[in-house]
Amino acid sequence: MKRFLLPCYLSLTLFAGTAFAAETATQLAKLETSSGTAASAAQSPWQSLNPKKLQLKSSAVLILDQSGDAVYAKQVSTPQPIASITKLMTAMVILDSGLDLQEKITITKDDRDLIQLTGSRLKYGATLTREQLLQLALMSSENRAAAALARTWPQGKAAFVEAMNKKASALGMNSSHFSDPAGLDPGNVASARDVAKMVRAAMSYPMIRKATTTRTASVYPYKGRGELRYNNTNRLLKNKSWDIQLSKTGYINEAGRCLVMQTEIADQPLTIVLLNSFGKLTPFGDSNRIRDWIESGT
């Protein structure tokens, strides 16, 4: 990857601090520092980046560096529908529970999508392990897989959704609310700032990292029948110039096109949140524009 050297010292506002005063694209300003602490100021590789040169189509954008400091931010505080980005929370709740990942679960009519009326290749009677359903929910955004995971929660779906909201609260996602495990309900909302918290928390789960960056997978949910082959919904994984450690896409009409990633650009680990884009390819175009902007150092 292209490297660049950007001198000078800049101390950046903490991500977990107060909300941004302005919701337009901006870099964080310098914190006030006393003369006695000047020597400890951290060197920033972002100082020379001009946010005016980054023209993005997503309505809400947040890019965080490894320290949690914002490289770029736009409309980060407003809660909005996040569609299938929700499935990251679903996965964390399942993995936190310690439930048997090898237990077999059969798809039933209760797993139908009665909100957006989407279809599924997992027909009634399809049987997979909890781990396989989790993988399909994460890599290919399989809605019935997510629904089955919640339905088979020991206390039922309603208790599962409650557990999702408790997990969000524990992560400090104070502008978030979850209503269903798949993200089909537009009542699943979060701010870009909260979504970034969820992405960074999900990075601590090896299974989530692996599933969301697996390009293809095959399962055999029906006895005596052949494989079902699934592809990852993030087409950037096919591009060898991208180094992606975690990703998730999402879409319903109310949420627009969404994409979140943990990636590395110019040798810098970054969390990228893109919400509410119009156009199927727009989040991927925005991602490439972000990478070009950072690598150019301007």
C-alpha atoms as a PDB file:
ATOM      1  CA  MET A   1       0.000   0.000   0.000  1.00  0.00           C
ATOM      2  CA  LYS A   2       1.050   3.551  -0.640  1.00  0.00           C
ATOM      3  CA  ARG A   3       2.709   5.182   2.344  1.00  0.00           C
ATOM      4  CA  PHE A   4       2.952   8.845   3.184  1.00  0.00           C
ATOM      5  CA  LEU A   5       4.671  10.955   5.793  1.00  0.00           C
ATOM      6  CA  LEU A   6       2.653  13.736   7.338  1.00  0.00           C
ATOM      7  CA  PRO A   7       4.655  15.713   9.897  1.00  0.00           C
ATOM      8  CA  CYS A   8       3.475  17.998  12.730  1.00  0.00           C
ATOM      9  CA  TYR A   9       1.813  17.276  15.993  1.00  0.00           C
ATOM     10  CA  LEU A  10      -1.900  17.188  16.553  1.00  0.00           C
ATOM     11  CA  SER A  11      -3.853  16.101  19.549  1.00  0.00           C
ATOM     12  CA  LEU A  12      -7.308  14.856  18.533  1.00  0.00           C
ATOM     13  CA  THR A  13     -10.617  15.015  20.333  1.00  0.00           C
ATOM     14  CA  LEU A  14     -11.554  11.642  21.829  1.00  0.00           C
ATOM     15  CA  PHE A  15     -14.235   9.662  19.978  1.00  0.00           C
ATOM     16  CA  ALA A  16     -16.049   8.903  23.223  1.00  0.00           C
ATOM     17  CA  GLY A  17     -16.348  12.583  24.103  1.00  0.00           C
ATOM     18  CA  THR A  18     -19.174  15.040  23.474  1.00  0.00           C
ATOM     19  CA  ALA A  19     -21.141  15.181  20.245  1.00  0.00           C
ATOM     20  CA  PHE A  20     -19.801  17.136  17.334  1.00  0.00           C
ATOM     21  CA  ALA A  21     -21.047  20.739  17.275  1.00  0.00           C
ATOM     22  CA  ALA A  22     -21.462  20.702  13.515  1.00  0.00           C
ATOM     23  CA  GLU A  23     -22.749  17.782  11.478  1.00  0.00           C
ATOM     24  CA  THR A  24     -20.875  18.648   8.296  1.00  0.00           C
ATOM     25  CA  ALA A  25     -17.729  16.837   7.227  1.00  0.00           C
ATOM     26  CA  THR A  26     -14.882  17.895   9.474  1.00  0.00           C
ATOM     27  CA  GLN A  27     -11.617  16.879  11.018  1.00  0.00           C
ATOM     28  CA  LEU A  28     -11.237  17.150  14.745  1.00  0.00           C
ATOM     29  CA  ALA A  29      -9.724  20.316  16.104  1.00  0.00           C
ATOM     30  CA  LYS A  30      -6.736  20.477  18.421  1.00  0.00           C
ATOM     31  CA  LEU A  31      -7.355  20.069  22.091  1.00  0.00           C
ATOM     32  CA  GLU A  32      -6.001  22.770  24.340  1.00  0.00           C
ATOM     33  CA  THR A  33      -2.701  21.666  25.802  1.00  0.00           C
ATOM     34  CA  SER A  34      -0.466  23.296  28.346  1.00  0.00           C
ATOM     35  CA  SER A  35       3.119  24.157  27.517  1.00  0.00           C
ATOM     36  CA  GLY A  36       4.255  21.398  29.865  1.00  0.00           C
ATOM     37  CA  THR A  37       2.508  18.678  27.834  1.00  0.00           C
ATOM     38  CA  ALA A  38       3.529  19.755  24.362  1.00  0.00           C
ATOM     39  CA  ALA A  39       6.243  17.114  24.181  1.00  0.00           C
ATOM     40  CA  SER A  40       3.701  14.357  24.767  1.00  0.00           C
ATOM     41  CA  ALA A  41       1.385  15.362  21.932  1.00  0.00           C
ATOM     42  CA  ALA A  42       0.796  12.462  19.557  1.00  0.00           C
ATOM     43  CA  GLN A  43       1.871  12.742  15.962  1.00  0.00           C
ATOM     44  CA  SER A  44      -1.111  12.713  13.623  1.00  0.00           C
ATOM     45  CA  PRO A  45      -0.957  11.301  10.087  1.00  0.00           C
ATOM     46  CA  TRP A  46      -4.185  13.122   9.258  1.00  0.00           C
ATOM     47  CA  GLN A  47      -3.281  16.801   9.658  1.00  0.00           C
ATOM     48  CA  SER A  48      -2.705  17.525   5.988  1.00  0.00           C
ATOM     49  CA  LEU A  49      -5.929  15.847   4.821  1.00  0.00           C
ATOM     50  CA  ASN A  50      -8.443  18.326   3.453  1.00  0.00           C
ATOM     51  CA  PRO A  51     -12.030  17.156   4.164  1.00  0.00           C
ATOM     52  CA  LYS A  52     -13.353  19.419   1.402  1.00  0.00           C
ATOM     53  CA  LYS A  53     -11.616  17.184  -1.118  1.00  0.00           C
ATOM     54  CA  LEU A  54     -13.564  14.126   0.038  1.00  0.00           C
ATOM     55  CA  GLN A  55     -16.940  14.131  -1.709  1.00  0.00           C
ATOM     56  CA  LEU A  56     -19.065  11.220  -0.467  1.00  0.00           C
ATOM     57  CA  LYS A  57     -22.594  10.128  -1.344  1.00  0.00           C
ATOM     58  CA  SER A  58     -23.423   8.479   2.002  1.00  0.00           C
ATOM     59  CA  SER A  59     -25.502  10.745   4.213  1.00  0.00           C
ATOM     60  CA  ALA A  60     -23.730   9.704   7.427  1.00  0.00           C
ATOM     61  CA  VAL A  61     -20.016   8.935   7.547  1.00  0.00           C
ATOM     62  CA  LEU A  62     -17.537   8.252  10.303  1.00  0.00           C
ATOM     63  CA  ILE A  63     -13.909   7.218   9.908  1.00  0.00           C
ATOM     64  CA  LEU A  64     -11.990   6.429  13.092  1.00  0.00           C
ATOM     65  CA  ASP A  65      -8.313   5.660  13.503  1.00  0.00           C
ATOM     66  CA  GLN A  66      -6.880   3.027  15.813  1.00  0.00           C
ATOM     67  CA  SER A  67      -7.046   5.363  18.806  1.00  0.00           C
ATOM     68  CA  GLY A  68     -10.740   6.083  18.227  1.00  0.00           C
ATOM     69  CA  ASP A  69     -10.066   9.591  16.959  1.00  0.00           C
ATOM     70  CA  ALA A  70     -12.114  10.839  14.007  1.00  0.00           C
ATOM     71  CA  VAL A  71     -10.376  11.231  10.662  1.00  0.00           C
ATOM     72  CA  TYR A  72     -13.611  12.352   9.019  1.00  0.00           C
ATOM     73  CA  ALA A  73     -17.155  12.794  10.320  1.00  0.00           C
ATOM     74  CA  LYS A  74     -20.510  13.718   8.810  1.00  0.00           C
ATOM     75  CA  GLN A  75     -23.932  13.462  10.463  1.00  0.00           C
ATOM     76  CA  VAL A  76     -22.595  11.127  13.149  1.00  0.00           C
ATOM     77  CA  SER A  77     -25.090  11.777  15.959  1.00  0.00           C
ATOM     78  CA  THR A  78     -28.483  11.262  14.333  1.00  0.00           C
ATOM     79  CA  PRO A  79     -30.089   7.818  14.883  1.00  0.00           C
ATOM     80  CA  GLN A  80     -31.262   6.242  11.630  1.00  0.00           C
ATOM     81  CA  PRO A  81     -32.231   2.776  10.359  1.00  0.00           C
ATOM     82  CA  ILE A  82     -29.207   0.518   9.927  1.00  0.00           C
ATOM     83  CA  ALA A  83     -30.777  -2.501   8.175  1.00  0.00           C
ATOM     84  CA  SER A  84     -28.606  -5.634   8.220  1.00  0.00           C
ATOM     85  CA  ILE A  85     -25.728  -3.948  10.027  1.00  0.00           C
ATOM     86  CA  THR A  86     -27.953  -5.129  12.899  1.00  0.00           C
ATOM     87  CA  LYS A  87     -26.674  -8.667  12.380  1.00  0.00           C
ATOM     88  CA  LEU A  88     -23.356  -7.751  14.023  1.00  0.00           C
ATOM     89  CA  MET A  89     -25.283  -7.252  17.266  1.00  0.00           C
ATOM     90  CA  THR A  90     -27.204 -10.492  16.711  1.00  0.00           C
ATOM     91  CA  ALA A  91     -23.929 -12.365  16.311  1.00  0.00           C
ATOM     92  CA  MET A  92     -22.358 -10.868  19.437  1.00  0.00           C
ATOM     93  CA  VAL A  93     -25.378 -11.802  21.566  1.00  0.00           C
ATOM     94  CA  ILE A  94     -25.325 -15.389  20.265  1.00  0.00           C
ATOM     95  CA  LEU A  95     -21.590 -15.763  20.841  1.00  0.00           C
ATOM     96  CA  ASP A  96     -21.766 -14.189  24.305  1.00  0.00           C
ATOM     97  CA  SER A  97     -24.434 -16.713  25.338  1.00  0.00           C
ATOM     98  CA  GLY A  98     -22.240 -19.797  25.129  1.00  0.00           C
ATOM     99  CA  LEU A  99     -25.008 -21.692  23.299  1.00  0.00           C
ATOM    100  CA  ASP A 100     -23.900 -24.837  21.468  1.00  0.00           C
ATOM    101  CA  LEU A 101     -22.812 -23.681  18.017  1.00  0.00           C
ATOM    102  CA  GLN A 102     -23.096 -27.227  16.680  1.00  0.00           C
ATOM    103  CA  GLU A 103     -26.738 -27.640  17.681  1.00  0.00           C
ATOM    104  CA  LYS A 104     -28.889 -28.194  14.598  1.00  0.00           C
ATOM    105  CA  ILE A 105     -31.689 -25.716  13.920  1.00  0.00           C
ATOM    106  CA  THR A 106     -34.513 -26.219  11.410  1.00  0.00           C
ATOM    107  CA  ILE A 107     -36.072 -23.319   9.515  1.00  0.00           C
ATOM    108  CA  THR A 108     -39.823 -22.929  10.096  1.00  0.00           C
ATOM    109  CA  LYS A 109     -42.646 -20.630   8.993  1.00  0.00           C
ATOM    110  CA  ASP A 110     -41.934 -18.516  12.058  1.00  0.00           C
ATOM    111  CA  ASP A 111     -38.700 -17.409  10.384  1.00  0.00           C
ATOM    112  CA  ARG A 112     -40.496 -15.736   7.452  1.00  0.00           C
ATOM    113  CA  ASP A 113     -39.929 -12.054   6.806  1.00  0.00           C
ATOM    114  CA  LEU A 114     -43.342 -10.467   7.330  1.00  0.00           C
ATOM    115  CA  ILE A 115     -41.913  -6.923   7.434  1.00  0.00           C
ATOM    116  CA  GLN A 116     -40.089  -6.399   4.126  1.00  0.00           C
ATOM    117  CA  LEU A 117     -41.401  -9.629   2.548  1.00  0.00           C
ATOM    118  CA  THR A 118     -37.975 -10.729   1.365  1.00  0.00           C
ATOM    119  CA  GLY A 119     -37.401 -14.265   0.143  1.00  0.00           C
ATOM    120  CA  SER A 120     -34.815 -16.831   1.162  1.00  0.00           C
ATOM    121  CA  ARG A 121     -33.022 -19.858  -0.199  1.00  0.00           C
ATOM    122  CA  LEU A 122     -33.498 -21.512   3.178  1.00  0.00           C
ATOM    123  CA  LYS A 123     -36.913 -23.094   2.746  1.00  0.00           C
ATOM    124  CA  TYR A 124     -39.002 -24.577   5.543  1.00  0.00           C
ATOM    125  CA  GLY A 125     -37.308 -27.740   6.752  1.00  0.00           C
ATOM    126  CA  ALA A 126     -33.775 -26.589   5.941  1.00  0.00           C
ATOM    127  CA  THR A 127     -31.502 -27.698   8.770  1.00  0.00           C
ATOM    128  CA  LEU A 128     -28.110 -26.235   9.645  1.00  0.00           C
ATOM    129  CA  THR A 129     -26.025 -25.795  12.771  1.00  0.00           C
ATOM    130  CA  ARG A 130     -26.230 -22.614  14.792  1.00  0.00           C
ATOM    131  CA  GLU A 131     -22.698 -21.795  13.625  1.00  0.00           C
ATOM    132  CA  GLN A 132     -23.654 -22.205   9.960  1.00  0.00           C
ATOM    133  CA  LEU A 133     -26.714 -20.004  10.389  1.00  0.00           C
ATOM    134  CA  LEU A 134     -24.550 -17.394  12.069  1.00  0.00           C
ATOM    135  CA  GLN A 135     -22.071 -17.518   9.195  1.00  0.00           C
ATOM    136  CA  LEU A 136     -24.793 -17.086   6.559  1.00  0.00           C
ATOM    137  CA  ALA A 137     -26.378 -14.225   8.482  1.00  0.00           C
ATOM    138  CA  LEU A 138     -23.058 -12.403   8.637  1.00  0.00           C
ATOM    139  CA  MET A 139     -21.460 -13.063   5.238  1.00  0.00           C
ATOM    140  CA  SER A 140     -24.511 -13.146   2.954  1.00  0.00           C
ATOM    141  CA  SER A 141     -27.031 -11.347   5.171  1.00  0.00           C
ATOM    142  CA  GLU A 142     -29.407 -14.332   5.207  1.00  0.00           C
ATOM    143  CA  ASN A 143     -32.489 -13.038   7.012  1.00  0.00           C
ATOM    144  CA  ARG A 144     -34.089 -16.361   7.869  1.00  0.00           C
ATOM    145  CA  ALA A 145     -30.828 -17.475   9.421  1.00  0.00           C
ATOM    146  CA  ALA A 146     -30.892 -14.471  11.743  1.00  0.00           C
ATOM    147  CA  ALA A 147     -34.580 -15.033  12.529  1.00  0.00           C
ATOM    148  CA  ALA A 148     -33.972 -18.698  13.396  1.00  0.00           C
ATOM    149  CA  LEU A 149     -31.124 -17.744  15.726  1.00  0.00           C
ATOM    150  CA  ALA A 150     -33.456 -15.434  17.655  1.00  0.00           C
ATOM    151  CA  ARG A 151     -36.400 -17.847  17.609  1.00  0.00           C
ATOM    152  CA  THR A 152     -34.317 -20.613  19.185  1.00  0.00           C
ATOM    153  CA  TRP A 153     -33.000 -18.347  21.941  1.00  0.00           C
ATOM    154  CA  PRO A 154     -33.812 -20.164  25.227  1.00  0.00           C
ATOM    155  CA  GLN A 155     -36.333 -17.516  26.310  1.00  0.00           C
ATOM    156  CA  GLY A 156     -37.650 -16.789  22.801  1.00  0.00           C
ATOM    157  CA  LYS A 157     -37.345 -14.008  20.227  1.00  0.00           C
ATOM    158  CA  ALA A 158     -38.633 -11.180  22.429  1.00  0.00           C
ATOM    159  CA  ALA A 159     -36.039 -12.000  25.085  1.00  0.00           C
ATOM    160  CA  PHE A 160     -33.370 -12.150  22.389  1.00  0.00           C
ATOM    161  CA  VAL A 161     -34.190  -8.643  21.168  1.00  0.00           C
ATOM    162  CA  GLU A 162     -34.094  -7.476  24.779  1.00  0.00           C
ATOM    163  CA  ALA A 163     -30.617  -8.995  25.077  1.00  0.00           C
ATOM    164  CA  MET A 164     -29.567  -7.081  21.956  1.00  0.00           C
ATOM    165  CA  ASN A 165     -30.624  -3.795  23.527  1.00  0.00           C
ATOM    166  CA  LYS A 166     -28.875  -4.659  26.793  1.00  0.00           C
ATOM    167  CA  LYS A 167     -25.677  -5.376  24.855  1.00  0.00           C
ATOM    168  CA  ALA A 168     -26.014  -2.056  23.036  1.00  0.00           C
ATOM    169  CA  SER A 169     -26.405  -0.245  26.336  1.00  0.00           C
ATOM    170  CA  ALA A 170     -23.329  -1.994  27.742  1.00  0.00           C
ATOM    171  CA  LEU A 171     -21.332  -0.796  24.719  1.00  0.00           C
ATOM    172  CA  GLY A 172     -22.422   2.803  25.288  1.00  0.00           C
ATOM    173  CA  MET A 173     -24.639   2.833  22.202  1.00  0.00           C
ATOM    174  CA  ASN A 174     -26.958   5.409  23.725  1.00  0.00           C
ATOM    175  CA  SER A 175     -28.597   6.498  20.465  1.00  0.00           C
ATOM    176  CA  SER A 176     -29.556   2.999  19.397  1.00  0.00           C
ATOM    177  CA  HIS A 177     -32.548   0.690  19.529  1.00  0.00           C
ATOM    178  CA  PHE A 178     -33.094  -2.816  18.155  1.00  0.00           C
ATOM    179  CA  SER A 179     -36.478  -4.292  17.234  1.00  0.00           C
ATOM    180  CA  ASP A 180     -35.583  -7.465  15.323  1.00  0.00           C
ATOM    181  CA  PRO A 181     -32.497  -9.680  14.803  1.00  0.00           C
ATOM    182  CA  ALA A 182     -32.172  -9.280  11.024  1.00  0.00           C
ATOM    183  CA  GLY A 183     -32.493  -5.530  10.553  1.00  0.00           C
ATOM    184  CA  LEU A 184     -35.692  -5.787   8.534  1.00  0.00           C
ATOM    185  CA  ASP A 185     -37.595  -3.549  10.934  1.00  0.00           C
ATOM    186  CA  PRO A 186     -36.830   0.159  10.313  1.00  0.00           C
ATOM    187  CA  GLY A 187     -37.123   0.526  14.079  1.00  0.00           C
ATOM    188  CA  ASN A 188     -33.588  -0.826  14.281  1.00  0.00           C
ATOM    189  CA  VAL A 189     -31.771   2.501  14.540  1.00  0.00           C
ATOM    190  CA  ALA A 190     -28.348   3.786  15.561  1.00  0.00           C
ATOM    191  CA  SER A 191     -26.179   6.818  15.004  1.00  0.00           C
ATOM    192  CA  ALA A 192     -22.996   6.471  12.967  1.00  0.00           C
ATOM    193  CA  ARG A 193     -21.065   6.980  16.190  1.00  0.00           C
ATOM    194  CA  ASP A 194     -22.911   4.085  17.841  1.00  0.00           C
ATOM    195  CA  VAL A 195     -22.432   1.863  14.799  1.00  0.00           C
ATOM    196  CA  ALA A 196     -18.689   2.471  15.019  1.00  0.00           C
ATOM    197  CA  LYS A 197     -18.787   1.327  18.648  1.00  0.00           C
ATOM    198  CA  MET A 198     -20.539  -1.864  17.540  1.00  0.00           C
ATOM    199  CA  VAL A 199     -18.012  -2.527  14.772  1.00  0.00           C
ATOM    200  CA  ARG A 200     -15.064  -2.056  17.112  1.00  0.00           C
ATOM    201  CA  ALA A 201     -16.677  -4.357  19.692  1.00  0.00           C
ATOM    202  CA  ALA A 202     -17.344  -7.005  17.028  1.00  0.00           C
ATOM    203  CA  MET A 203     -13.627  -7.026  16.190  1.00  0.00           C
ATOM    204  CA  SER A 204     -12.989  -8.897  19.448  1.00  0.00           C
ATOM    205  CA  TYR A 205     -14.931 -11.926  18.119  1.00  0.00           C
ATOM    206  CA  PRO A 206     -12.755 -14.100  15.834  1.00  0.00           C
ATOM    207  CA  MET A 207     -15.814 -15.871  14.432  1.00  0.00           C
ATOM    208  CA  ILE A 208     -17.379 -12.560  13.346  1.00  0.00           C
ATOM    209  CA  ARG A 209     -14.141 -11.407  11.730  1.00  0.00           C
ATOM    210  CA  LYS A 210     -13.803 -14.681   9.840  1.00  0.00           C
ATOM    211  CA  ALA A 211     -17.432 -14.947   8.723  1.00  0.00           C
ATOM    212  CA  THR A 212     -17.714 -11.357   7.520  1.00  0.00           C
ATOM    213  CA  THR A 213     -14.560 -11.617   5.408  1.00  0.00           C
ATOM    214  CA  THR A 214     -15.214 -15.083   3.936  1.00  0.00           C
ATOM    215  CA  ARG A 215     -15.916 -14.637   0.244  1.00  0.00           C
ATOM    216  CA  THR A 216     -17.924 -17.822  -0.419  1.00  0.00           C
ATOM    217  CA  ALA A 217     -19.338 -20.722   1.580  1.00  0.00           C
ATOM    218  CA  SER A 218     -21.307 -23.877   0.805  1.00  0.00           C
ATOM    219  CA  VAL A 219     -23.885 -25.558   3.035  1.00  0.00           C
ATOM    220  CA  TYR A 220     -26.061 -28.671   2.705  1.00  0.00           C
ATOM    221  CA  PRO A 221     -29.343 -27.890   4.466  1.00  0.00           C
ATOM    222  CA  TYR A 222     -31.445 -30.588   2.765  1.00  0.00           C
ATOM    223  CA  LYS A 223     -30.927 -34.344   2.963  1.00  0.00           C
ATOM    224  CA  GLY A 224     -30.210 -35.966  -0.352  1.00  0.00           C
ATOM    225  CA  ARG A 225     -29.783 -32.658  -2.152  1.00  0.00           C
ATOM    226  CA  GLY A 226     -26.764 -30.726  -3.309  1.00  0.00           C
ATOM    227  CA  GLU A 227     -25.023 -27.707  -1.910  1.00  0.00           C
ATOM    228  CA  LEU A 228     -26.245 -24.174  -1.547  1.00  0.00           C
ATOM    229  CA  ARG A 229     -23.443 -21.748  -2.316  1.00  0.00           C
ATOM    230  CA  TYR A 230     -23.448 -18.296  -0.741  1.00  0.00           C
ATOM    231  CA  ASN A 231     -21.376 -15.215  -1.555  1.00  0.00           C
ATOM    232  CA  ASN A 232     -20.329 -12.324   0.655  1.00  0.00           C
ATOM    233  CA  THR A 233     -22.334  -9.153   0.107  1.00  0.00           C
ATOM    234  CA  ASN A 234     -19.213  -6.945   0.273  1.00  0.00           C
ATOM    235  CA  ARG A 235     -17.756  -6.933  -3.227  1.00  0.00           C
ATOM    236  CA  LEU A 236     -14.607  -5.134  -2.009  1.00  0.00           C
ATOM    237  CA  LEU A 237     -13.407  -8.478  -0.616  1.00  0.00           C
ATOM    238  CA  LYS A 238     -12.750  -9.524  -4.220  1.00  0.00           C
ATOM    239  CA  ASN A 239     -10.313  -6.644  -4.623  1.00  0.00           C
ATOM    240  CA  LYS A 240      -6.817  -7.648  -3.497  1.00  0.00           C
ATOM    241  CA  SER A 241      -5.871  -4.019  -2.945  1.00  0.00           C
ATOM    242  CA  TRP A 242      -8.204  -3.925   0.070  1.00  0.00           C
ATOM    243  CA  ASP A 243      -7.144  -5.287   3.465  1.00  0.00           C
ATOM    244  CA  ILE A 244     -10.434  -5.889   5.285  1.00  0.00           C
ATOM    245  CA  GLN A 245     -10.614  -7.495   8.728  1.00  0.00           C
ATOM    246  CA  LEU A 246     -14.400  -7.161   9.278  1.00  0.00           C
ATOM    247  CA  SER A 247     -17.291  -5.971   7.151  1.00  0.00           C
ATOM    248  CA  LYS A 248     -21.083  -5.893   6.927  1.00  0.00           C
ATOM    249  CA  THR A 249     -23.509  -4.486   4.406  1.00  0.00           C
ATOM    250  CA  GLY A 250     -27.139  -3.559   4.887  1.00  0.00           C
ATOM    251  CA  TYR A 251     -30.139  -2.412   2.901  1.00  0.00           C
ATOM    252  CA  ILE A 252     -33.817  -1.695   3.298  1.00  0.00           C
ATOM    253  CA  ASN A 253     -35.626   1.231   1.682  1.00  0.00           C
ATOM    254  CA  GLU A 254     -35.763   3.143   4.955  1.00  0.00           C
ATOM    255  CA  ALA A 255     -32.027   2.736   5.615  1.00  0.00           C
ATOM    256  CA  GLY A 256     -30.595   3.116   2.134  1.00  0.00           C
ATOM    257  CA  ARG A 257     -27.351   1.335   1.322  1.00  0.00           C
ATOM    258  CA  CYS A 258     -25.074   0.840   4.322  1.00  0.00           C
ATOM    259  CA  LEU A 259     -21.552  -0.504   4.716  1.00  0.00           C
ATOM    260  CA  VAL A 260     -19.247  -0.828   7.715  1.00  0.00           C
ATOM    261  CA  MET A 261     -15.677  -2.095   7.716  1.00  0.00           C
ATOM    262  CA  GLN A 262     -12.605  -2.498   9.811  1.00  0.00           C
ATOM    263  CA  THR A 263      -9.755  -2.138   7.372  1.00  0.00           C
ATOM    264  CA  GLU A 264      -6.246  -0.810   6.872  1.00  0.00           C
ATOM    265  CA  ILE A 265      -5.352   2.046   4.562  1.00  0.00           C
ATOM    266  CA  ALA A 266      -1.829   3.426   4.160  1.00  0.00           C
ATOM    267  CA  ASP A 267      -0.723   1.127   7.011  1.00  0.00           C
ATOM    268  CA  GLN A 268      -3.308   2.725   9.323  1.00  0.00           C
ATOM    269  CA  PRO A 269      -6.079   0.612  10.949  1.00  0.00           C
ATOM    270  CA  LEU A 270      -9.416   2.349  10.349  1.00  0.00           C
ATOM    271  CA  THR A 271     -13.075   1.869  11.219  1.00  0.00           C
ATOM    272  CA  ILE A 272     -15.354   3.040   8.397  1.00  0.00           C
ATOM    273  CA  VAL A 273     -19.098   3.605   8.767  1.00  0.00           C
ATOM    274  CA  LEU A 274     -21.181   4.562   5.722  1.00  0.00           C
ATOM    275  CA  LEU A 275     -24.948   4.912   6.214  1.00  0.00           C
ATOM    276  CA  ASN A 276     -27.855   5.780   3.942  1.00  0.00           C
ATOM    277  CA  SER A 277     -26.408   5.824   0.452  1.00  0.00           C
ATOM    278  CA  PHE A 278     -28.569   5.845  -2.667  1.00  0.00           C
ATOM    279  CA  GLY A 279     -27.520   3.342  -5.287  1.00  0.00           C
ATOM    280  CA  LYS A 280     -26.356  -0.258  -4.926  1.00  0.00           C
ATOM    281  CA  LEU A 281     -22.698   0.525  -5.638  1.00  0.00           C
ATOM    282  CA  THR A 282     -22.473   3.851  -3.829  1.00  0.00           C
ATOM    283  CA  PRO A 283     -20.999   2.581  -0.511  1.00  0.00           C
ATOM    284  CA  PHE A 284     -18.267   0.773  -2.418  1.00  0.00           C
ATOM    285  CA  GLY A 285     -17.561   3.898  -4.460  1.00  0.00           C
ATOM    286  CA  ASP A 286     -17.411   5.960  -1.272  1.00  0.00           C
ATOM    287  CA  SER A 287     -14.997   3.424   0.225  1.00  0.00           C
ATOM    288  CA  ASN A 288     -12.667   3.755  -2.738  1.00  0.00           C
ATOM    289  CA  ARG A 289     -12.883   7.542  -2.565  1.00  0.00           C
ATOM    290  CA  ILE A 290     -11.931   7.385   1.116  1.00  0.00           C
ATOM    291  CA  ARG A 291      -8.962   5.181   0.368  1.00  0.00           C
ATOM    292  CA  ASP A 292      -7.730   7.449  -2.446  1.00  0.00           C
ATOM    293  CA  TRP A 293      -8.132  10.515  -0.228  1.00  0.00           C
ATOM    294  CA  ILE A 294      -6.114   9.002   2.615  1.00  0.00           C
ATOM    295  CA  GLU A 295      -3.427   7.510   0.414  1.00  0.00           C
ATOM    296  CA  SER A 296      -2.944  10.777  -1.450  1.00  0.00           C
ATOM    297  CA  GLY A 297      -2.439  12.598   1.849  1.00  0.00           C
ATOM    298  CA  THR A 298      -4.269  15.702   0.612  1.00  0.00           C
END
